[in-house]
Amino acid sequence: MGSTVLSLRIDGELLDRLREHAARRGMSVQDYVVRTLIRDDFDERFQAAVDETQKFYGLT
């Protein structure tokens, strides 16, 4: 799998908070943001699978 560059413009206060969160975990800001995005994407895909399963079994 290749990688692509994504450039973001963010508020200075948000960057400071991201630095703090990343530092607590011993990570770079970049790694922290990527990990957070991956986790959020997984959560969305998992919820979609749960919703489909519930529809299949008529639970919703």
Protein backbone atom coordinates (compact mmCIF):
# COMPACT_ATOMS: atom_id res chain seq x y z
CA MET A 1 0.00 0.00 0.00
CA GLY A 2 1.37 3.40 -0.96
CA SER A 3 1.02 6.64 0.89
CA THR A 4 -0.20 10.06 -0.09
CA VAL A 5 0.55 13.44 1.40
CA LEU A 6 -2.32 15.35 3.01
CA SER A 7 -1.67 18.92 4.04
CA LEU A 8 -3.88 20.53 6.67
CA ARG A 9 -4.24 24.04 7.97
CA ILE A 10 -5.30 23.96 11.62
CA ASP A 11 -5.74 26.40 14.44
CA GLY A 12 -2.74 26.94 16.72
CA GLU A 13 -4.72 25.95 19.82
CA LEU A 14 -5.80 22.69 18.18
CA LEU A 15 -2.21 21.93 17.21
CA ASP A 16 -1.13 22.51 20.81
CA ARG A 17 -3.80 20.09 22.06
CA LEU A 18 -2.78 17.52 19.44
CA ARG A 19 0.84 17.85 20.55
CA GLU A 20 -0.19 17.25 24.16
CA HIS A 21 -2.29 14.18 23.27
CA ALA A 22 0.50 12.79 21.10
CA ALA A 23 3.18 13.43 23.73
CA ARG A 24 1.17 11.58 26.39
CA ARG A 25 1.25 8.56 24.11
CA GLY A 26 4.88 8.99 23.08
CA MET A 27 3.87 9.64 19.48
CA SER A 28 4.45 12.30 16.87
CA VAL A 29 1.51 14.54 16.01
CA GLN A 30 1.40 12.96 12.54
CA ASP A 31 1.23 9.42 13.95
CA TYR A 32 -1.39 10.47 16.49
CA VAL A 33 -3.62 12.06 13.84
CA VAL A 34 -3.28 9.10 11.47
CA ARG A 35 -4.04 6.63 14.27
CA THR A 36 -7.09 8.66 15.30
CA LEU A 37 -8.38 8.74 11.71
CA ILE A 38 -7.85 4.99 11.31
CA ARG A 39 -9.73 4.32 14.56
CA ASP A 40 -12.60 6.59 13.51
CA ASP A 41 -12.80 4.91 10.10
CA PHE A 42 -12.88 1.47 11.75
CA ASP A 43 -15.63 2.59 14.14
CA GLU A 44 -17.76 3.81 11.22
CA ARG A 45 -17.26 0.61 9.20
CA PHE A 46 -17.96 -1.55 12.26
CA GLN A 47 -21.17 0.36 13.03
CA ALA A 48 -22.29 -0.02 9.41
CA ALA A 49 -21.73 -3.78 9.66
CA VAL A 50 -23.72 -3.94 12.91
CA ASP A 51 -26.55 -1.96 11.31
CA GLU A 52 -26.64 -4.30 8.30
CA THR A 53 -26.66 -7.36 10.56
CA GLN A 54 -29.54 -5.94 12.58
CA LYS A 55 -31.48 -5.22 9.39
CA PHE A 56 -30.81 -8.75 8.14
CA TYR A 57 -32.20 -10.27 11.34
CA GLY A 58 -35.03 -7.73 11.55
CA LEU A 59 -33.84 -6.25 14.82
CA THR A 60 -34.31 -2.61 13.81
